[in-house]
Amino acid sequence: MATVLHVGARELKTRLGTYLGRVRRGERVIVTDRHHPVAELRRIDAAPESRADRLQRLAALGAISAPVRRLVPFTPVRLTGEAASTTLLRDREDRL
């Protein structure tokens, strides 16, 4: 995996050319705003990160946690009658 560098937005703005050169050489730059990651710079011709690799990287950073069991697919429930939005508006009529 390429080298990852964290840099503040102000530092990036001040030395953009330097960081673009590092990106050209294959490094990834994570841009932070007040120490919170907000963007990622990487070479365009670099192969996109797979979903599994991205999830593994985020889990390693502690940004997400892997599920402990396999999730059951969501199945929507079909209801008959009036729309929920109509019921909600009727319920709130006295407050409008």
PDB file of N, CA and C in Angstrom:
ATOM      1  N   MET A   1       0.850  -1.172   0.000  1.00  0.00           N
ATOM      2  CA  MET A   1       0.000   0.000   0.000  1.00  0.00           C
ATOM      3  C   MET A   1       0.897   1.236   0.000  1.00  0.00           C
ATOM      4  N   ALA A   2       0.472   2.319  -0.639  1.00  0.00           N
ATOM      5  CA  ALA A   2       1.246   3.545  -0.753  1.00  0.00           C
ATOM      6  C   ALA A   2       1.368   4.228   0.604  1.00  0.00           C
ATOM      7  N   THR A   3       2.390   5.078   0.720  1.00  0.00           N
ATOM      8  CA  THR A   3       2.586   5.864   1.931  1.00  0.00           C
ATOM      9  C   THR A   3       1.429   6.831   2.109  1.00  0.00           C
ATOM     10  N   VAL A   4       0.951   6.968   3.338  1.00  0.00           N
ATOM     11  CA  VAL A   4      -0.149   7.879   3.634  1.00  0.00           C
ATOM     12  C   VAL A   4       0.398   9.018   4.477  1.00  0.00           C
ATOM     13  N   LEU A   5       0.086  10.226   4.077  1.00  0.00           N
ATOM     14  CA  LEU A   5       0.558  11.429   4.755  1.00  0.00           C
ATOM     15  C   LEU A   5      -0.645  12.259   5.161  1.00  0.00           C
ATOM     16  N   HIS A   6      -0.693  12.708   6.405  1.00  0.00           N
ATOM     17  CA  HIS A   6      -1.769  13.582   6.865  1.00  0.00           C
ATOM     18  C   HIS A   6      -1.247  15.013   6.868  1.00  0.00           C
ATOM     19  N   VAL A   7      -2.041  15.927   6.319  1.00  0.00           N
ATOM     20  CA  VAL A   7      -1.621  17.327   6.253  1.00  0.00           C
ATOM     21  C   VAL A   7      -2.833  18.223   6.484  1.00  0.00           C
ATOM     22  N   GLY A   8      -2.618  19.305   7.232  1.00  0.00           N
ATOM     23  CA  GLY A   8      -3.677  20.269   7.488  1.00  0.00           C
ATOM     24  C   GLY A   8      -3.984  21.084   6.239  1.00  0.00           C
ATOM     25  N   ALA A   9      -5.199  21.592   6.163  1.00  0.00           N
ATOM     26  CA  ALA A   9      -5.633  22.351   4.992  1.00  0.00           C
ATOM     27  C   ALA A   9      -4.766  23.585   4.767  1.00  0.00           C
ATOM     28  N   ARG A  10      -4.398  24.272   5.813  1.00  0.00           N
ATOM     29  CA  ARG A  10      -3.570  25.473   5.660  1.00  0.00           C
ATOM     30  C   ARG A  10      -2.184  25.111   5.132  1.00  0.00           C
ATOM     31  N   GLU A  11      -1.599  24.063   5.674  1.00  0.00           N
ATOM     32  CA  GLU A  11      -0.287  23.602   5.209  1.00  0.00           C
ATOM     33  C   GLU A  11      -0.353  23.190   3.742  1.00  0.00           C
ATOM     34  N   LEU A  12      -1.419  22.486   3.359  1.00  0.00           N
ATOM     35  CA  LEU A  12      -1.588  22.071   1.962  1.00  0.00           C
ATOM     36  C   LEU A  12      -1.682  23.293   1.053  1.00  0.00           C
ATOM     37  N   LYS A  13      -2.459  24.277   1.476  1.00  0.00           N
ATOM     38  CA  LYS A  13      -2.623  25.496   0.679  1.00  0.00           C
ATOM     39  C   LYS A  13      -1.282  26.202   0.500  1.00  0.00           C
ATOM     40  N   THR A  14      -0.494  26.261   1.553  1.00  0.00           N
ATOM     41  CA  THR A  14       0.795  26.953   1.514  1.00  0.00           C
ATOM     42  C   THR A  14       1.804  26.239   0.626  1.00  0.00           C
ATOM     43  N   ARG A  15       1.814  24.915   0.670  1.00  0.00           N
ATOM     44  CA  ARG A  15       2.833  24.136  -0.051  1.00  0.00           C
ATOM     45  C   ARG A  15       2.212  23.137  -1.021  1.00  0.00           C
ATOM     46  N   LEU A  16       1.189  23.574  -1.755  1.00  0.00           N
ATOM     47  CA  LEU A  16       0.444  22.690  -2.652  1.00  0.00           C
ATOM     48  C   LEU A  16       1.359  21.984  -3.650  1.00  0.00           C
ATOM     49  N   GLY A  17       2.284  22.709  -4.262  1.00  0.00           N
ATOM     50  CA  GLY A  17       3.184  22.113  -5.259  1.00  0.00           C
ATOM     51  C   GLY A  17       3.988  20.960  -4.689  1.00  0.00           C
ATOM     52  N   THR A  18       4.472  21.123  -3.471  1.00  0.00           N
ATOM     53  CA  THR A  18       5.252  20.061  -2.812  1.00  0.00           C
ATOM     54  C   THR A  18       4.413  18.803  -2.633  1.00  0.00           C
ATOM     55  N   TYR A  19       3.185  18.988  -2.161  1.00  0.00           N
ATOM     56  CA  TYR A  19       2.329  17.825  -1.907  1.00  0.00           C
ATOM     57  C   TYR A  19       1.855  17.180  -3.205  1.00  0.00           C
ATOM     58  N   LEU A  20       1.613  17.979  -4.245  1.00  0.00           N
ATOM     59  CA  LEU A  20       1.246  17.391  -5.528  1.00  0.00           C
ATOM     60  C   LEU A  20       2.393  16.547  -6.080  1.00  0.00           C
ATOM     61  N   GLY A  21       3.631  16.993  -5.864  1.00  0.00           N
ATOM     62  CA  GLY A  21       4.785  16.192  -6.281  1.00  0.00           C
ATOM     63  C   GLY A  21       4.828  14.860  -5.555  1.00  0.00           C
ATOM     64  N   ARG A  22       4.526  14.877  -4.284  1.00  0.00           N
ATOM     65  CA  ARG A  22       4.514  13.624  -3.510  1.00  0.00           C
ATOM     66  C   ARG A  22       3.404  12.696  -3.997  1.00  0.00           C
ATOM     67  N   VAL A  23       2.251  13.282  -4.353  1.00  0.00           N
ATOM     68  CA  VAL A  23       1.142  12.482  -4.887  1.00  0.00           C
ATOM     69  C   VAL A  23       1.556  11.855  -6.217  1.00  0.00           C
ATOM     70  N   ARG A  24       2.244  12.630  -7.063  1.00  0.00           N
ATOM     71  CA  ARG A  24       2.717  12.094  -8.349  1.00  0.00           C
ATOM     72  C   ARG A  24       3.635  10.894  -8.147  1.00  0.00           C
ATOM     73  N   ARG A  25       4.384  10.897  -7.057  1.00  0.00           N
ATOM     74  CA  ARG A  25       5.309   9.788  -6.779  1.00  0.00           C
ATOM     75  C   ARG A  25       4.607   8.597  -6.127  1.00  0.00           C
ATOM     76  N   GLY A  26       3.293   8.693  -5.926  1.00  0.00           N
ATOM     77  CA  GLY A  26       2.542   7.544  -5.436  1.00  0.00           C
ATOM     78  C   GLY A  26       2.065   7.640  -4.005  1.00  0.00           C
ATOM     79  N   GLU A  27       2.380   8.712  -3.304  1.00  0.00           N
ATOM     80  CA  GLU A  27       1.915   8.850  -1.922  1.00  0.00           C
ATOM     81  C   GLU A  27       0.454   9.295  -1.914  1.00  0.00           C
ATOM     82  N   ARG A  28      -0.242   8.936  -0.872  1.00  0.00           N
ATOM     83  CA  ARG A  28      -1.608   9.417  -0.651  1.00  0.00           C
ATOM     84  C   ARG A  28      -1.541  10.504   0.402  1.00  0.00           C
ATOM     85  N   VAL A  29      -2.327  11.565   0.224  1.00  0.00           N
ATOM     86  CA  VAL A  29      -2.357  12.671   1.181  1.00  0.00           C
ATOM     87  C   VAL A  29      -3.773  12.790   1.725  1.00  0.00           C
ATOM     88  N   ILE A  30      -3.903  12.671   3.035  1.00  0.00           N
ATOM     89  CA  ILE A  30      -5.183  12.874   3.708  1.00  0.00           C
ATOM     90  C   ILE A  30      -5.180  14.322   4.204  1.00  0.00           C
ATOM     91  N   VAL A  31      -6.151  15.107   3.740  1.00  0.00           N
ATOM     92  CA  VAL A  31      -6.246  16.511   4.128  1.00  0.00           C
ATOM     93  C   VAL A  31      -7.149  16.604   5.352  1.00  0.00           C
ATOM     94  N   THR A  32      -6.666  17.312   6.373  1.00  0.00           N
ATOM     95  CA  THR A  32      -7.434  17.443   7.608  1.00  0.00           C
ATOM     96  C   THR A  32      -7.836  18.895   7.832  1.00  0.00           C
ATOM     97  N   ASP A  33      -8.940  19.078   8.528  1.00  0.00           N
ATOM     98  CA  ASP A  33      -9.390  20.393   8.967  1.00  0.00           C
ATOM     99  C   ASP A  33      -9.628  20.285  10.458  1.00  0.00           C
ATOM    100  N   ARG A  34      -8.799  20.952  11.220  1.00  0.00           N
ATOM    101  CA  ARG A  34      -8.828  20.868  12.694  1.00  0.00           C
ATOM    102  C   ARG A  34      -8.687  19.420  13.154  1.00  0.00           C
ATOM    103  N   HIS A  35      -7.760  18.718  12.529  1.00  0.00           N
ATOM    104  CA  HIS A  35      -7.396  17.330  12.859  1.00  0.00           C
ATOM    105  C   HIS A  35      -8.458  16.299  12.490  1.00  0.00           C
ATOM    106  N   HIS A  36      -9.453  16.675  11.691  1.00  0.00           N
ATOM    107  CA  HIS A  36     -10.466  15.733  11.215  1.00  0.00           C
ATOM    108  C   HIS A  36     -10.266  15.529   9.713  1.00  0.00           C
ATOM    109  N   PRO A  37     -10.130  14.289   9.254  1.00  0.00           N
ATOM    110  CA  PRO A  37      -9.939  14.035   7.818  1.00  0.00           C
ATOM    111  C   PRO A  37     -11.148  14.509   7.014  1.00  0.00           C
ATOM    112  N   VAL A  38     -10.876  15.255   5.921  1.00  0.00           N
ATOM    113  CA  VAL A  38     -11.961  15.760   5.086  1.00  0.00           C
ATOM    114  C   VAL A  38     -11.788  15.412   3.609  1.00  0.00           C
ATOM    115  N   ALA A  39     -10.569  15.065   3.193  1.00  0.00           N
ATOM    116  CA  ALA A  39     -10.345  14.761   1.773  1.00  0.00           C
ATOM    117  C   ALA A  39      -9.116  13.877   1.632  1.00  0.00           C
ATOM    118  N   GLU A  40      -9.023  13.237   0.475  1.00  0.00           N
ATOM    119  CA  GLU A  40      -7.872  12.387   0.163  1.00  0.00           C
ATOM    120  C   GLU A  40      -7.381  12.737  -1.239  1.00  0.00           C
ATOM    121  N   LEU A  41      -6.081  12.930  -1.365  1.00  0.00           N
ATOM    122  CA  LEU A  41      -5.469  13.156  -2.673  1.00  0.00           C
ATOM    123  C   LEU A  41      -4.661  11.923  -3.024  1.00  0.00           C
ATOM    124  N   ARG A  42      -4.837  11.424  -4.266  1.00  0.00           N
ATOM    125  CA  ARG A  42      -4.045  10.299  -4.736  1.00  0.00           C
ATOM    126  C   ARG A  42      -3.939  10.395  -6.249  1.00  0.00           C
ATOM    127  N   ARG A  43      -2.986   9.685  -6.812  1.00  0.00           N
ATOM    128  CA  ARG A  43      -2.797   9.710  -8.251  1.00  0.00           C
ATOM    129  C   ARG A  43      -4.048   9.225  -8.957  1.00  0.00           C
ATOM    130  N   ILE A  44      -4.375   9.858 -10.061  1.00  0.00           N
ATOM    131  CA  ILE A  44      -5.556   9.464 -10.826  1.00  0.00           C
ATOM    132  C   ILE A  44      -5.351   8.108 -11.480  1.00  0.00           C
ATOM    133  N   ASP A  45      -4.146   7.851 -11.982  1.00  0.00           N
ATOM    134  CA  ASP A  45      -3.925   6.591 -12.680  1.00  0.00           C
ATOM    135  C   ASP A  45      -3.743   5.416 -11.729  1.00  0.00           C
ATOM    136  N   ALA A  46      -3.738   5.673 -10.435  1.00  0.00           N
ATOM    137  CA  ALA A  46      -3.640   4.587  -9.471  1.00  0.00           C
ATOM    138  C   ALA A  46      -4.953   3.795  -9.496  1.00  0.00           C
ATOM    139  N   ALA A  47      -4.861   2.487  -9.350  1.00  0.00           N
ATOM    140  CA  ALA A  47      -6.061   1.645  -9.349  1.00  0.00           C
ATOM    141  C   ALA A  47      -6.931   2.031  -8.161  1.00  0.00           C
ATOM    142  N   PRO A  48      -8.225   2.152  -8.355  1.00  0.00           N
ATOM    143  CA  PRO A  48      -9.096   2.501  -7.237  1.00  0.00           C
ATOM    144  C   PRO A  48      -9.048   1.414  -6.162  1.00  0.00           C
ATOM    145  N   GLU A  49      -9.163   1.849  -4.944  1.00  0.00           N
ATOM    146  CA  GLU A  49      -9.122   0.933  -3.807  1.00  0.00           C
ATOM    147  C   GLU A  49     -10.398   0.087  -3.811  1.00  0.00           C
ATOM    148  N   SER A  50     -10.247  -1.214  -3.619  1.00  0.00           N
ATOM    149  CA  SER A  50     -11.425  -2.087  -3.595  1.00  0.00           C
ATOM    150  C   SER A  50     -12.243  -1.815  -2.333  1.00  0.00           C
ATOM    151  N   ARG A  51     -13.496  -2.208  -2.369  1.00  0.00           N
ATOM    152  CA  ARG A  51     -14.367  -1.998  -1.215  1.00  0.00           C
ATOM    153  C   ARG A  51     -13.826  -2.732   0.012  1.00  0.00           C
ATOM    154  N   ALA A  52     -13.362  -3.972  -0.189  1.00  0.00           N
ATOM    155  CA  ALA A  52     -12.833  -4.751   0.936  1.00  0.00           C
ATOM    156  C   ALA A  52     -11.598  -4.071   1.519  1.00  0.00           C
ATOM    157  N   ASP A  53     -10.694  -3.569   0.647  1.00  0.00           N
ATOM    158  CA  ASP A  53      -9.498  -2.875   1.134  1.00  0.00           C
ATOM    159  C   ASP A  53      -9.866  -1.605   1.889  1.00  0.00           C
ATOM    160  N   ARG A  54     -10.846  -0.860   1.360  1.00  0.00           N
ATOM    161  CA  ARG A  54     -11.277   0.376   2.014  1.00  0.00           C
ATOM    162  C   ARG A  54     -11.862   0.078   3.391  1.00  0.00           C
ATOM    163  N   LEU A  55     -12.705  -0.952   3.487  1.00  0.00           N
ATOM    164  CA  LEU A  55     -13.293  -1.314   4.778  1.00  0.00           C
ATOM    165  C   LEU A  55     -12.222  -1.771   5.762  1.00  0.00           C
ATOM    166  N   GLN A  56     -11.250  -2.529   5.263  1.00  0.00           N
ATOM    167  CA  GLN A  56     -10.164  -2.996   6.122  1.00  0.00           C
ATOM    168  C   GLN A  56      -9.331  -1.807   6.621  1.00  0.00           C
ATOM    169  N   ARG A  57      -9.055  -0.838   5.743  1.00  0.00           N
ATOM    170  CA  ARG A  57      -8.278   0.342   6.133  1.00  0.00           C
ATOM    171  C   ARG A  57      -9.045   1.162   7.167  1.00  0.00           C
ATOM    172  N   LEU A  58     -10.357   1.369   6.957  1.00  0.00           N
ATOM    173  CA  LEU A  58     -11.153   2.133   7.905  1.00  0.00           C
ATOM    174  C   LEU A  58     -11.262   1.425   9.251  1.00  0.00           C
ATOM    175  N   ALA A  59     -11.353   0.099   9.235  1.00  0.00           N
ATOM    176  CA  ALA A  59     -11.388  -0.663  10.488  1.00  0.00           C
ATOM    177  C   ALA A  59     -10.062  -0.535  11.229  1.00  0.00           C
ATOM    178  N   ALA A  60      -8.940  -0.556  10.482  1.00  0.00           N
ATOM    179  CA  ALA A  60      -7.622  -0.409  11.102  1.00  0.00           C
ATOM    180  C   ALA A  60      -7.461   0.972  11.729  1.00  0.00           C
ATOM    181  N   LEU A  61      -8.069   1.992  11.127  1.00  0.00           N
ATOM    182  CA  LEU A  61      -8.012   3.351  11.673  1.00  0.00           C
ATOM    183  C   LEU A  61      -8.954   3.534  12.860  1.00  0.00           C
ATOM    184  N   GLY A  62      -9.869   2.588  13.055  1.00  0.00           N
ATOM    185  CA  GLY A  62     -10.849   2.694  14.129  1.00  0.00           C
ATOM    186  C   GLY A  62     -12.060   3.525  13.739  1.00  0.00           C
ATOM    187  N   ALA A  63     -12.173   3.882  12.454  1.00  0.00           N
ATOM    188  CA  ALA A  63     -13.302   4.689  11.996  1.00  0.00           C
ATOM    189  C   ALA A  63     -14.589   3.874  11.921  1.00  0.00           C
ATOM    190  N   ILE A  64     -14.467   2.574  11.702  1.00  0.00           N
ATOM    191  CA  ILE A  64     -15.615   1.675  11.656  1.00  0.00           C
ATOM    192  C   ILE A  64     -15.265   0.407  12.407  1.00  0.00           C
ATOM    193  N   SER A  65     -16.252  -0.374  12.711  1.00  0.00           N
ATOM    194  CA  SER A  65     -15.994  -1.692  13.292  1.00  0.00           C
ATOM    195  C   SER A  65     -16.669  -2.731  12.402  1.00  0.00           C
ATOM    196  N   ALA A  66     -15.993  -3.828  12.206  1.00  0.00           N
ATOM    197  CA  ALA A  66     -16.516  -4.893  11.354  1.00  0.00           C
ATOM    198  C   ALA A  66     -17.699  -5.566  12.055  1.00  0.00           C
ATOM    199  N   PRO A  67     -18.700  -5.989  11.303  1.00  0.00           N
ATOM    200  CA  PRO A  67     -19.842  -6.667  11.929  1.00  0.00           C
ATOM    201  C   PRO A  67     -19.405  -7.991  12.549  1.00  0.00           C
ATOM    202  N   VAL A  68     -20.044  -8.353  13.656  1.00  0.00           N
ATOM    203  CA  VAL A  68     -19.694  -9.602  14.322  1.00  0.00           C
ATOM    204  C   VAL A  68     -20.503 -10.772  13.778  1.00  0.00           C
ATOM    205  N   ARG A  69     -21.559 -10.482  13.058  1.00  0.00           N
ATOM    206  CA  ARG A  69     -22.350 -11.539  12.434  1.00  0.00           C
ATOM    207  C   ARG A  69     -22.852 -11.036  11.088  1.00  0.00           C
ATOM    208  N   ARG A  70     -23.265 -11.970  10.264  1.00  0.00           N
ATOM    209  CA  ARG A  70     -23.768 -11.600   8.940  1.00  0.00           C
ATOM    210  C   ARG A  70     -25.146 -10.964   9.083  1.00  0.00           C
ATOM    211  N   LEU A  71     -25.339  -9.835   8.431  1.00  0.00           N
ATOM    212  CA  LEU A  71     -26.606  -9.121   8.530  1.00  0.00           C
ATOM    213  C   LEU A  71     -27.658  -9.730   7.620  1.00  0.00           C
ATOM    214  N   VAL A  72     -28.897  -9.690   8.065  1.00  0.00           N
ATOM    215  CA  VAL A  72     -30.025 -10.187   7.277  1.00  0.00           C
ATOM    216  C   VAL A  72     -30.439  -9.064   6.333  1.00  0.00           C
ATOM    217  N   PRO A  73     -30.650  -9.358   5.055  1.00  0.00           N
ATOM    218  CA  PRO A  73     -31.057  -8.298   4.121  1.00  0.00           C
ATOM    219  C   PRO A  73     -32.373  -7.651   4.533  1.00  0.00           C
ATOM    220  N   PHE A  74     -32.466  -6.353   4.320  1.00  0.00           N
ATOM    221  CA  PHE A  74     -33.680  -5.600   4.649  1.00  0.00           C
ATOM    222  C   PHE A  74     -34.782  -5.935   3.660  1.00  0.00           C
ATOM    223  N   THR A  75     -35.964  -6.220   4.180  1.00  0.00           N
ATOM    224  CA  THR A  75     -37.129  -6.476   3.342  1.00  0.00           C
ATOM    225  C   THR A  75     -38.183  -5.434   3.688  1.00  0.00           C
ATOM    226  N   PRO A  76     -38.555  -4.554   2.736  1.00  0.00           N
ATOM    227  CA  PRO A  76     -39.550  -3.533   3.045  1.00  0.00           C
ATOM    228  C   PRO A  76     -40.922  -4.156   3.295  1.00  0.00           C
ATOM    229  N   VAL A  77     -41.702  -3.512   4.121  1.00  0.00           N
ATOM    230  CA  VAL A  77     -43.048  -3.972   4.448  1.00  0.00           C
ATOM    231  C   VAL A  77     -44.038  -3.146   3.637  1.00  0.00           C
ATOM    232  N   ARG A  78     -44.939  -3.798   2.934  1.00  0.00           N
ATOM    233  CA  ARG A  78     -45.975  -3.121   2.158  1.00  0.00           C
ATOM    234  C   ARG A  78     -47.215  -2.954   3.024  1.00  0.00           C
ATOM    235  N   LEU A  79     -47.686  -1.722   3.138  1.00  0.00           N
ATOM    236  CA  LEU A  79     -48.874  -1.445   3.924  1.00  0.00           C
ATOM    237  C   LEU A  79     -49.973  -0.922   3.012  1.00  0.00           C
ATOM    238  N   THR A  80     -51.208  -1.117   3.453  1.00  0.00           N
ATOM    239  CA  THR A  80     -52.338  -0.586   2.699  1.00  0.00           C
ATOM    240  C   THR A  80     -52.909   0.604   3.464  1.00  0.00           C
ATOM    241  N   GLY A  81     -53.718   1.393   2.815  1.00  0.00           N
ATOM    242  CA  GLY A  81     -54.309   2.559   3.461  1.00  0.00           C
ATOM    243  C   GLY A  81     -53.649   3.823   2.966  1.00  0.00           C
ATOM    244  N   GLU A  82     -53.922   4.917   3.682  1.00  0.00           N
ATOM    245  CA  GLU A  82     -53.381   6.203   3.243  1.00  0.00           C
ATOM    246  C   GLU A  82     -51.885   6.300   3.534  1.00  0.00           C
ATOM    247  N   ALA A  83     -51.255   7.228   2.861  1.00  0.00           N
ATOM    248  CA  ALA A  83     -49.816   7.421   3.021  1.00  0.00           C
ATOM    249  C   ALA A  83     -49.502   7.933   4.422  1.00  0.00           C
ATOM    250  N   ALA A  84     -48.366   7.546   4.941  1.00  0.00           N
ATOM    251  CA  ALA A  84     -47.950   7.982   6.275  1.00  0.00           C
ATOM    252  C   ALA A  84     -47.838   9.499   6.337  1.00  0.00           C
ATOM    253  N   SER A  85     -47.402  10.128   5.244  1.00  0.00           N
ATOM    254  CA  SER A  85     -47.279  11.590   5.238  1.00  0.00           C
ATOM    255  C   SER A  85     -48.645  12.254   5.414  1.00  0.00           C
ATOM    256  N   THR A  86     -49.696  11.686   4.833  1.00  0.00           N
ATOM    257  CA  THR A  86     -51.045  12.232   4.977  1.00  0.00           C
ATOM    258  C   THR A  86     -51.503  12.122   6.425  1.00  0.00           C
ATOM    259  N   THR A  87     -51.259  10.995   7.037  1.00  0.00           N
ATOM    260  CA  THR A  87     -51.621  10.788   8.441  1.00  0.00           C
ATOM    261  C   THR A  87     -50.862  11.760   9.331  1.00  0.00           C
ATOM    262  N   LEU A  88     -49.607  11.954   9.067  1.00  0.00           N
ATOM    263  CA  LEU A  88     -48.772  12.852   9.855  1.00  0.00           C
ATOM    264  C   LEU A  88     -49.250  14.290   9.730  1.00  0.00           C
ATOM    265  N   LEU A  89     -49.566  14.732   8.508  1.00  0.00           N
ATOM    266  CA  LEU A  89     -50.058  16.093   8.317  1.00  0.00           C
ATOM    267  C   LEU A  89     -51.386  16.313   9.029  1.00  0.00           C
ATOM    268  N   ARG A  90     -52.272  15.331   8.967  1.00  0.00           N
ATOM    269  CA  ARG A  90     -53.568  15.443   9.642  1.00  0.00           C
ATOM    270  C   ARG A  90     -53.352  15.533  11.153  1.00  0.00           C
ATOM    271  N   ASP A  91     -52.419  14.761  11.668  1.00  0.00           N
ATOM    272  CA  ASP A  91     -52.127  14.768  13.100  1.00  0.00           C
ATOM    273  C   ASP A  91     -51.564  16.113  13.547  1.00  0.00           C
ATOM    274  N   ARG A  92     -50.854  16.801  12.660  1.00  0.00           N
ATOM    275  CA  ARG A  92     -50.194  18.063  13.016  1.00  0.00           C
ATOM    276  C   ARG A  92     -51.009  19.297  12.624  1.00  0.00           C
ATOM    277  N   GLU A  93     -52.233  19.113  12.111  1.00  0.00           N
ATOM    278  CA  GLU A  93     -53.046  20.241  11.640  1.00  0.00           C
ATOM    279  C   GLU A  93     -53.233  21.317  12.692  1.00  0.00           C
ATOM    280  N   ASP A  94     -53.425  20.924  13.932  1.00  0.00           N
ATOM    281  CA  ASP A  94     -53.683  21.911  14.992  1.00  0.00           C
ATOM    282  C   ASP A  94     -52.426  22.730  15.328  1.00  0.00           C
ATOM    283  N   ARG A  95     -51.277  22.291  14.888  1.00  0.00           N
ATOM    284  CA  ARG A  95     -50.030  23.028  15.193  1.00  0.00           C
ATOM    285  C   ARG A  95     -49.599  23.939  14.055  1.00  0.00           C
ATOM    286  N   LEU A  96     -50.277  23.869  12.931  1.00  0.00           N
ATOM    287  CA  LEU A  96     -49.873  24.685  11.778  1.00  0.00           C
ATOM    288  C   LEU A  96     -50.586  26.006  11.752  1.00  0.00           C
TER     289      LEU A  96
END
